[in-house]
């Protein structure tokens, strides 16, 4: 069960009271209460928590994935141009991984996987690639657990015919 509430609160060190939005959740595991202090005057407590606060947290998680799982914080070259080129390539890799994750069917176990997991389970797989004049075929081992997910991703990211 989930409910939202709001109140005003002022700590001793604050000059004025501020609006506080709360998400109160009760489950079989017990109570879970989360608070968000905001200066926004408009919007319901549910909108502030679910739409604004959770979206900010998701954006921070995506930045963390960009830095840690794609090593974009590694700009150790002496040349600024080389570091900028590294960052551009890391960002291209980020967008590729983001697009792959968006094309995975929502019911699949990898639909919310982190980039490192996608790389290990979909990109770094052993397969036989057979090129012909009209198509490229990818043959997986019969025991490959993610072959159907790979097919769905390949169908979702292929380019439209020109």
N, C-alpha and C. Protein backbone atom coordinates (compact mmCIF):
# COMPACT_ATOMS: atom_id res chain seq x y z
N UNK A 1 0.85 -1.17 0.00
CA UNK A 1 0.00 0.00 0.00
C UNK A 1 0.90 1.24 0.00
N UNK A 2 0.58 2.18 -0.84
CA UNK A 2 1.40 3.39 -0.96
C UNK A 2 0.51 4.62 -0.83
N UNK A 3 0.99 5.61 -0.11
CA UNK A 3 0.26 6.87 0.08
C UNK A 3 1.26 8.01 0.08
N UNK A 4 0.80 9.20 -0.30
CA UNK A 4 1.65 10.39 -0.33
C UNK A 4 1.05 11.44 0.58
N UNK A 5 1.91 12.19 1.23
CA UNK A 5 1.46 13.26 2.13
C UNK A 5 2.45 14.42 2.04
N UNK A 6 2.03 15.56 2.53
CA UNK A 6 2.96 16.70 2.57
C UNK A 6 2.72 17.53 3.81
N UNK A 7 3.77 18.23 4.21
CA UNK A 7 3.72 19.10 5.38
C UNK A 7 4.78 20.17 5.20
N UNK A 8 4.89 21.05 6.15
CA UNK A 8 5.96 22.05 6.16
C UNK A 8 6.83 21.80 7.38
N UNK A 9 8.14 21.98 7.20
CA UNK A 9 9.08 21.70 8.27
C UNK A 9 10.22 22.71 8.20
N UNK A 10 10.71 23.09 9.35
CA UNK A 10 11.84 23.99 9.40
C UNK A 10 12.85 23.53 10.44
N UNK A 11 14.02 23.16 10.01
CA UNK A 11 15.08 22.79 10.94
C UNK A 11 15.58 24.06 11.63
N UNK A 12 16.25 23.91 12.75
CA UNK A 12 16.72 25.08 13.50
C UNK A 12 17.70 25.92 12.69
N UNK A 13 18.49 25.27 11.85
CA UNK A 13 19.49 26.02 11.07
C UNK A 13 18.90 26.67 9.82
N UNK A 14 17.63 26.38 9.47
CA UNK A 14 17.01 26.96 8.28
C UNK A 14 16.42 28.32 8.63
N UNK A 15 16.39 29.20 7.67
CA UNK A 15 15.82 30.53 7.87
C UNK A 15 14.29 30.51 7.83
N UNK A 16 13.73 29.56 7.08
CA UNK A 16 12.27 29.48 6.96
C UNK A 16 11.86 28.01 6.84
N UNK A 17 10.57 27.79 6.96
CA UNK A 17 10.05 26.44 6.79
C UNK A 17 10.01 26.09 5.31
N UNK A 18 10.17 24.81 5.02
CA UNK A 18 10.12 24.34 3.64
C UNK A 18 9.06 23.26 3.51
N UNK A 19 8.63 23.07 2.29
CA UNK A 19 7.64 22.04 1.99
C UNK A 19 8.32 20.67 1.96
N UNK A 20 7.66 19.68 2.56
CA UNK A 20 8.18 18.32 2.60
C UNK A 20 7.12 17.40 2.01
N UNK A 21 7.51 16.64 0.98
CA UNK A 21 6.64 15.62 0.39
C UNK A 21 7.11 14.27 0.90
N UNK A 22 6.16 13.42 1.26
CA UNK A 22 6.50 12.11 1.81
C UNK A 22 5.80 11.01 1.03
N UNK A 23 6.54 9.92 0.83
CA UNK A 23 5.95 8.70 0.27
C UNK A 23 5.95 7.69 1.39
N UNK A 24 4.77 7.19 1.72
CA UNK A 24 4.62 6.23 2.80
C UNK A 24 4.18 4.91 2.18
N UNK A 25 4.96 3.88 2.41
CA UNK A 25 4.67 2.59 1.80
C UNK A 25 4.67 1.52 2.88
N UNK A 26 3.62 0.70 2.88
CA UNK A 26 3.53 -0.41 3.82
C UNK A 26 3.42 -1.69 3.01
N UNK A 27 4.26 -2.65 3.35
CA UNK A 27 4.23 -3.94 2.67
C UNK A 27 4.41 -5.04 3.71
N UNK A 28 4.55 -6.25 3.23
CA UNK A 28 4.76 -7.37 4.13
C UNK A 28 6.11 -7.24 4.85
N UNK A 29 7.01 -6.45 4.30
CA UNK A 29 8.33 -6.26 4.90
C UNK A 29 8.34 -5.15 5.95
N UNK A 30 7.25 -4.36 6.03
CA UNK A 30 7.17 -3.30 7.02
C UNK A 30 6.94 -1.94 6.39
N UNK A 31 7.13 -0.90 7.16
CA UNK A 31 6.91 0.48 6.71
C UNK A 31 8.18 1.03 6.05
N UNK A 32 7.97 1.83 5.02
CA UNK A 32 9.07 2.52 4.34
C UNK A 32 8.60 3.93 4.06
N UNK A 33 9.23 4.89 4.71
CA UNK A 33 8.84 6.29 4.55
C UNK A 33 10.02 7.04 3.97
N UNK A 34 9.78 7.78 2.89
CA UNK A 34 10.81 8.59 2.24
C UNK A 34 10.33 10.03 2.20
N UNK A 35 11.24 10.96 2.47
CA UNK A 35 10.91 12.39 2.49
C UNK A 35 11.71 13.13 1.43
N UNK A 36 11.08 14.14 0.84
CA UNK A 36 11.76 15.01 -0.11
C UNK A 36 11.47 16.45 0.32
N UNK A 37 12.51 17.21 0.61
CA UNK A 37 12.36 18.63 0.96
C UNK A 37 12.48 19.41 -0.33
N UNK A 38 11.51 20.30 -0.59
CA UNK A 38 11.50 21.02 -1.85
C UNK A 38 11.13 22.49 -1.64
N UNK A 39 11.52 23.30 -2.58
CA UNK A 39 11.11 24.70 -2.57
C UNK A 39 10.00 24.94 -3.59
N UNK A 40 9.56 23.90 -4.28
CA UNK A 40 8.48 24.02 -5.26
C UNK A 40 7.15 24.25 -4.56
N UNK A 41 6.40 25.21 -5.03
CA UNK A 41 5.11 25.52 -4.42
C UNK A 41 3.98 24.71 -5.06
N UNK A 42 4.10 24.40 -6.34
CA UNK A 42 3.03 23.70 -7.05
C UNK A 42 3.27 22.21 -7.15
N UNK A 43 2.21 21.50 -7.53
CA UNK A 43 2.31 20.06 -7.73
C UNK A 43 1.97 19.28 -6.48
N UNK A 44 1.42 18.11 -6.70
CA UNK A 44 1.05 17.26 -5.57
C UNK A 44 2.30 16.57 -5.01
N UNK A 45 2.16 16.01 -3.83
CA UNK A 45 3.27 15.28 -3.21
C UNK A 45 3.64 14.07 -4.07
N UNK A 46 2.65 13.43 -4.67
CA UNK A 46 2.92 12.28 -5.53
C UNK A 46 3.72 12.70 -6.76
N UNK A 47 3.35 13.82 -7.38
CA UNK A 47 4.07 14.33 -8.56
C UNK A 47 5.51 14.69 -8.19
N UNK A 48 5.69 15.35 -7.09
CA UNK A 48 7.04 15.76 -6.68
C UNK A 48 7.92 14.54 -6.42
N UNK A 49 7.38 13.54 -5.74
CA UNK A 49 8.20 12.37 -5.41
C UNK A 49 8.42 11.49 -6.64
N UNK A 50 7.32 11.04 -7.27
CA UNK A 50 7.44 10.05 -8.35
C UNK A 50 8.01 10.63 -9.64
N UNK A 51 7.56 11.81 -10.02
CA UNK A 51 7.98 12.36 -11.31
C UNK A 51 9.30 13.11 -11.22
N UNK A 52 9.45 13.99 -10.26
CA UNK A 52 10.65 14.82 -10.20
C UNK A 52 11.80 14.15 -9.46
N UNK A 53 11.56 13.71 -8.25
CA UNK A 53 12.64 13.16 -7.43
C UNK A 53 13.16 11.84 -7.99
N UNK A 54 12.26 10.92 -8.34
CA UNK A 54 12.71 9.63 -8.87
C UNK A 54 13.37 9.79 -10.24
N UNK A 55 12.92 10.73 -11.06
CA UNK A 55 13.56 10.98 -12.36
C UNK A 55 14.97 11.51 -12.16
N UNK A 56 15.16 12.35 -11.16
CA UNK A 56 16.50 12.86 -10.87
C UNK A 56 17.43 11.72 -10.44
N UNK A 57 16.93 10.82 -9.61
CA UNK A 57 17.72 9.67 -9.19
C UNK A 57 18.07 8.77 -10.37
N UNK A 58 17.11 8.59 -11.29
CA UNK A 58 17.38 7.78 -12.46
C UNK A 58 18.45 8.43 -13.34
N UNK A 59 18.39 9.75 -13.50
CA UNK A 59 19.40 10.47 -14.28
C UNK A 59 20.79 10.30 -13.64
N UNK A 60 20.86 10.36 -12.33
CA UNK A 60 22.14 10.16 -11.65
C UNK A 60 22.65 8.74 -11.84
N UNK A 61 21.76 7.76 -11.84
CA UNK A 61 22.18 6.38 -12.10
C UNK A 61 22.73 6.22 -13.51
N UNK A 62 22.12 6.89 -14.48
CA UNK A 62 22.61 6.79 -15.86
C UNK A 62 23.97 7.46 -16.01
N UNK A 63 24.18 8.57 -15.32
CA UNK A 63 25.49 9.22 -15.34
C UNK A 63 26.53 8.30 -14.70
N UNK A 64 26.16 7.65 -13.61
CA UNK A 64 27.07 6.72 -12.95
C UNK A 64 27.43 5.56 -13.88
N UNK A 65 26.44 5.04 -14.63
CA UNK A 65 26.74 3.97 -15.58
C UNK A 65 27.68 4.46 -16.68
N UNK A 66 27.48 5.70 -17.12
CA UNK A 66 28.35 6.27 -18.16
C UNK A 66 29.79 6.33 -17.66
N UNK A 67 29.96 6.74 -16.42
CA UNK A 67 31.31 6.90 -15.88
C UNK A 67 31.96 5.58 -15.50
N UNK A 68 31.23 4.70 -14.82
CA UNK A 68 31.86 3.50 -14.28
C UNK A 68 31.87 2.32 -15.25
N UNK A 69 30.74 2.05 -15.91
CA UNK A 69 30.66 0.87 -16.74
C UNK A 69 31.20 1.08 -18.16
N UNK A 70 31.28 2.33 -18.58
CA UNK A 70 31.86 2.62 -19.90
C UNK A 70 33.19 3.33 -19.78
N UNK A 71 33.68 3.54 -18.56
CA UNK A 71 34.98 4.14 -18.27
C UNK A 71 35.15 5.51 -18.90
N UNK A 72 34.09 6.31 -18.95
CA UNK A 72 34.20 7.62 -19.57
C UNK A 72 34.94 8.63 -18.68
N UNK A 73 35.19 8.29 -17.43
CA UNK A 73 35.95 9.20 -16.57
C UNK A 73 37.45 9.02 -16.76
N UNK A 74 37.85 8.15 -17.65
CA UNK A 74 39.26 7.90 -17.91
C UNK A 74 39.76 8.81 -19.03
N UNK A 75 40.14 9.99 -18.68
CA UNK A 75 40.68 10.96 -19.65
C UNK A 75 42.10 11.29 -19.24
N UNK A 76 42.99 10.33 -19.46
CA UNK A 76 44.34 10.46 -18.96
C UNK A 76 45.35 10.91 -20.01
N UNK A 77 44.89 11.29 -21.20
CA UNK A 77 45.82 11.75 -22.22
C UNK A 77 46.30 13.17 -21.90
N UNK A 78 47.46 13.51 -22.40
CA UNK A 78 47.98 14.87 -22.18
C UNK A 78 47.27 15.89 -23.04
N UNK A 79 46.78 15.46 -24.19
CA UNK A 79 46.13 16.37 -25.13
C UNK A 79 44.64 16.49 -24.81
N UNK A 80 44.15 17.71 -24.78
CA UNK A 80 42.72 17.94 -24.53
C UNK A 80 41.89 17.38 -25.68
N UNK A 81 42.41 17.47 -26.92
CA UNK A 81 41.68 16.94 -28.07
C UNK A 81 41.53 15.43 -27.97
N UNK A 82 42.58 14.75 -27.53
CA UNK A 82 42.51 13.29 -27.38
C UNK A 82 41.49 12.92 -26.30
N UNK A 83 41.49 13.65 -25.20
CA UNK A 83 40.51 13.39 -24.14
C UNK A 83 39.09 13.66 -24.61
N UNK A 84 38.92 14.71 -25.41
CA UNK A 84 37.60 15.01 -25.94
C UNK A 84 37.14 13.90 -26.89
N UNK A 85 38.05 13.40 -27.71
CA UNK A 85 37.71 12.31 -28.62
C UNK A 85 37.34 11.05 -27.84
N UNK A 86 38.06 10.78 -26.76
CA UNK A 86 37.71 9.64 -25.91
C UNK A 86 36.30 9.78 -25.36
N UNK A 87 35.99 10.97 -24.88
CA UNK A 87 34.67 11.20 -24.31
C UNK A 87 33.58 11.05 -25.38
N UNK A 88 33.85 11.49 -26.59
CA UNK A 88 32.88 11.34 -27.69
C UNK A 88 32.65 9.85 -27.97
N UNK A 89 33.72 9.06 -28.01
CA UNK A 89 33.58 7.63 -28.27
C UNK A 89 32.84 6.92 -27.13
N UNK A 90 33.13 7.33 -25.89
CA UNK A 90 32.42 6.74 -24.75
C UNK A 90 30.94 7.09 -24.79
N UNK A 91 30.63 8.30 -25.21
CA UNK A 91 29.23 8.71 -25.32
C UNK A 91 28.53 7.95 -26.44
N UNK A 92 29.21 7.70 -27.55
CA UNK A 92 28.63 6.89 -28.62
C UNK A 92 28.35 5.47 -28.12
N UNK A 93 29.27 4.92 -27.34
CA UNK A 93 29.05 3.59 -26.75
C UNK A 93 27.86 3.61 -25.79
N UNK A 94 27.74 4.70 -25.04
CA UNK A 94 26.61 4.85 -24.12
C UNK A 94 25.29 4.82 -24.89
N UNK A 95 25.19 5.59 -25.97
CA UNK A 95 23.95 5.64 -26.75
C UNK A 95 23.65 4.30 -27.39
N UNK A 96 24.67 3.58 -27.83
CA UNK A 96 24.46 2.25 -28.38
C UNK A 96 23.90 1.32 -27.31
N UNK A 97 24.49 1.32 -26.14
CA UNK A 97 24.01 0.47 -25.05
C UNK A 97 22.60 0.87 -24.61
N UNK A 98 22.32 2.16 -24.58
CA UNK A 98 20.99 2.66 -24.21
C UNK A 98 19.96 2.17 -25.23
N UNK A 99 20.29 2.27 -26.52
CA UNK A 99 19.38 1.83 -27.58
C UNK A 99 19.16 0.32 -27.51
N UNK A 100 20.20 -0.42 -27.24
CA UNK A 100 20.05 -1.88 -27.08
C UNK A 100 19.11 -2.18 -25.93
N UNK A 101 19.29 -1.51 -24.82
CA UNK A 101 18.44 -1.77 -23.66
C UNK A 101 16.98 -1.39 -23.93
N UNK A 102 16.76 -0.34 -24.73
CA UNK A 102 15.40 0.08 -25.04
C UNK A 102 14.69 -0.90 -25.97
N UNK A 103 15.43 -1.64 -26.80
CA UNK A 103 14.80 -2.57 -27.74
C UNK A 103 14.58 -3.96 -27.15
N UNK A 104 15.12 -4.23 -25.99
CA UNK A 104 14.89 -5.53 -25.34
C UNK A 104 13.43 -5.59 -24.90
N UNK A 105 12.74 -6.68 -25.21
CA UNK A 105 11.34 -6.80 -24.77
C UNK A 105 11.22 -6.64 -23.25
N UNK A 106 10.21 -5.94 -22.82
CA UNK A 106 10.04 -5.60 -21.40
C UNK A 106 9.90 -6.84 -20.51
N UNK A 107 9.42 -7.95 -21.08
CA UNK A 107 9.26 -9.16 -20.28
C UNK A 107 10.57 -9.92 -20.10
N UNK A 108 11.58 -9.57 -20.87
CA UNK A 108 12.87 -10.28 -20.79
C UNK A 108 13.60 -9.89 -19.51
N UNK A 109 14.44 -10.82 -19.03
CA UNK A 109 15.16 -10.56 -17.79
C UNK A 109 16.20 -9.46 -17.95
N UNK A 110 16.66 -9.18 -19.16
CA UNK A 110 17.68 -8.16 -19.40
C UNK A 110 17.10 -6.77 -19.64
N UNK A 111 15.80 -6.61 -19.56
CA UNK A 111 15.15 -5.33 -19.89
C UNK A 111 15.63 -4.19 -18.99
N UNK A 112 16.02 -4.49 -17.77
CA UNK A 112 16.49 -3.44 -16.86
C UNK A 112 17.93 -3.67 -16.45
N UNK A 113 18.64 -4.47 -17.21
CA UNK A 113 20.02 -4.80 -16.85
C UNK A 113 20.94 -3.60 -17.03
N UNK A 114 22.02 -3.60 -16.29
CA UNK A 114 23.03 -2.56 -16.43
C UNK A 114 23.86 -2.82 -17.67
N UNK A 115 24.58 -1.80 -18.11
CA UNK A 115 25.33 -1.90 -19.36
C UNK A 115 26.38 -3.00 -19.32
N UNK A 116 27.03 -3.19 -18.19
CA UNK A 116 28.06 -4.23 -18.09
C UNK A 116 27.44 -5.61 -18.30
N UNK A 117 26.25 -5.83 -17.78
CA UNK A 117 25.56 -7.10 -17.97
C UNK A 117 25.17 -7.29 -19.42
N UNK A 118 24.66 -6.25 -20.07
CA UNK A 118 24.31 -6.34 -21.49
C UNK A 118 25.53 -6.66 -22.34
N UNK A 119 26.63 -6.05 -22.01
CA UNK A 119 27.86 -6.29 -22.77
C UNK A 119 28.27 -7.76 -22.65
N UNK A 120 28.20 -8.31 -21.45
CA UNK A 120 28.61 -9.70 -21.25
C UNK A 120 27.63 -10.70 -21.86
N UNK A 121 26.33 -10.40 -21.78
CA UNK A 121 25.33 -11.37 -22.20
C UNK A 121 24.92 -11.24 -23.66
N UNK A 122 25.05 -10.04 -24.28
CA UNK A 122 24.60 -9.86 -25.66
C UNK A 122 25.71 -9.53 -26.65
N UNK A 123 26.73 -8.80 -26.21
CA UNK A 123 27.75 -8.35 -27.15
C UNK A 123 28.96 -9.28 -27.15
N UNK A 124 29.41 -9.69 -25.99
CA UNK A 124 30.59 -10.56 -25.89
C UNK A 124 30.16 -12.03 -25.87
N UNK A 125 29.48 -12.46 -26.92
CA UNK A 125 29.04 -13.85 -27.00
C UNK A 125 29.74 -14.53 -28.17
N UNK A 126 29.91 -15.83 -28.04
CA UNK A 126 30.51 -16.60 -29.13
C UNK A 126 29.41 -16.95 -30.12
N UNK A 127 29.66 -16.64 -31.38
CA UNK A 127 28.71 -16.95 -32.43
C UNK A 127 29.46 -17.04 -33.75
N UNK A 128 28.86 -17.74 -34.68
CA UNK A 128 29.44 -17.83 -36.02
C UNK A 128 28.71 -16.81 -36.90
N UNK A 129 29.47 -15.94 -37.55
CA UNK A 129 28.90 -14.91 -38.41
C UNK A 129 29.10 -15.36 -39.85
N UNK A 130 27.99 -15.45 -40.60
CA UNK A 130 28.02 -15.88 -41.99
C UNK A 130 27.51 -14.72 -42.84
N UNK A 131 28.40 -14.18 -43.69
CA UNK A 131 28.04 -13.05 -44.54
C UNK A 131 27.75 -13.54 -45.95
N UNK A 132 26.64 -13.09 -46.51
CA UNK A 132 26.32 -13.32 -47.91
C UNK A 132 26.09 -11.97 -48.56
N UNK A 133 25.76 -11.98 -49.82
CA UNK A 133 25.57 -10.71 -50.52
C UNK A 133 24.35 -9.95 -50.02
N UNK A 134 23.35 -10.65 -49.51
CA UNK A 134 22.11 -9.99 -49.13
C UNK A 134 21.85 -9.92 -47.62
N UNK A 135 22.58 -10.70 -46.83
CA UNK A 135 22.30 -10.68 -45.40
C UNK A 135 23.51 -11.15 -44.59
N UNK A 136 23.41 -10.89 -43.32
CA UNK A 136 24.41 -11.38 -42.37
C UNK A 136 23.66 -12.29 -41.40
N UNK A 137 24.12 -13.52 -41.27
CA UNK A 137 23.50 -14.48 -40.35
C UNK A 137 24.41 -14.68 -39.15
N UNK A 138 23.81 -14.77 -37.99
CA UNK A 138 24.54 -15.01 -36.76
C UNK A 138 24.04 -16.33 -36.20
N UNK A 139 24.94 -17.31 -36.09
CA UNK A 139 24.58 -18.63 -35.59
C UNK A 139 25.12 -18.78 -34.17
N UNK A 140 24.20 -18.96 -33.22
CA UNK A 140 24.56 -19.14 -31.83
C UNK A 140 24.65 -20.62 -31.50
N UNK A 141 25.30 -20.92 -30.41
CA UNK A 141 25.30 -22.28 -29.90
C UNK A 141 23.89 -22.64 -29.47
N UNK A 142 23.55 -23.89 -29.53
CA UNK A 142 22.18 -24.30 -29.19
C UNK A 142 21.85 -24.04 -27.72
N UNK A 143 22.87 -23.91 -26.87
CA UNK A 143 22.65 -23.68 -25.45
C UNK A 143 22.72 -22.20 -25.06
N UNK A 144 22.77 -21.29 -26.03
CA UNK A 144 22.87 -19.86 -25.72
C UNK A 144 21.57 -19.38 -25.08
N UNK A 145 21.60 -18.92 -23.82
CA UNK A 145 20.36 -18.57 -23.14
C UNK A 145 19.72 -17.27 -23.63
N UNK A 146 20.48 -16.39 -24.27
CA UNK A 146 19.95 -15.09 -24.67
C UNK A 146 19.82 -14.93 -26.17
N UNK A 147 19.76 -16.02 -26.92
CA UNK A 147 19.68 -15.93 -28.38
C UNK A 147 18.39 -15.24 -28.82
N UNK A 148 17.28 -15.53 -28.17
CA UNK A 148 16.01 -14.89 -28.56
C UNK A 148 16.03 -13.40 -28.25
N UNK A 149 16.64 -13.01 -27.16
CA UNK A 149 16.77 -11.58 -26.83
C UNK A 149 17.67 -10.90 -27.85
N UNK A 150 18.75 -11.57 -28.25
CA UNK A 150 19.64 -11.01 -29.27
C UNK A 150 18.89 -10.80 -30.57
N UNK A 151 18.05 -11.76 -30.97
CA UNK A 151 17.26 -11.62 -32.20
C UNK A 151 16.32 -10.42 -32.10
N UNK A 152 15.68 -10.25 -30.96
CA UNK A 152 14.75 -9.13 -30.77
C UNK A 152 15.49 -7.80 -30.85
N UNK A 153 16.67 -7.73 -30.25
CA UNK A 153 17.46 -6.50 -30.30
C UNK A 153 17.92 -6.22 -31.72
N UNK A 154 18.41 -7.24 -32.42
CA UNK A 154 18.88 -7.06 -33.80
C UNK A 154 17.75 -6.58 -34.70
N UNK A 155 16.56 -7.11 -34.51
CA UNK A 155 15.41 -6.66 -35.31
C UNK A 155 15.01 -5.24 -34.95
N UNK A 156 15.18 -4.87 -33.69
CA UNK A 156 14.78 -3.53 -33.25
C UNK A 156 15.74 -2.43 -33.64
N UNK A 157 17.01 -2.74 -33.81
CA UNK A 157 17.99 -1.68 -34.11
C UNK A 157 18.43 -1.66 -35.57
N UNK A 158 17.92 -2.58 -36.38
CA UNK A 158 18.37 -2.57 -37.77
C UNK A 158 17.89 -1.32 -38.49
N UNK A 159 18.66 -0.92 -39.47
CA UNK A 159 18.34 0.28 -40.23
C UNK A 159 17.22 0.01 -41.22
N UNK A 160 16.46 1.04 -41.51
CA UNK A 160 15.41 0.91 -42.53
C UNK A 160 16.07 0.88 -43.91
N UNK A 161 15.52 0.12 -44.86
CA UNK A 161 16.11 0.05 -46.19
C UNK A 161 16.06 1.42 -46.88
N UNK A 162 17.13 1.73 -47.62
CA UNK A 162 17.18 3.03 -48.31
C UNK A 162 16.88 2.88 -49.77
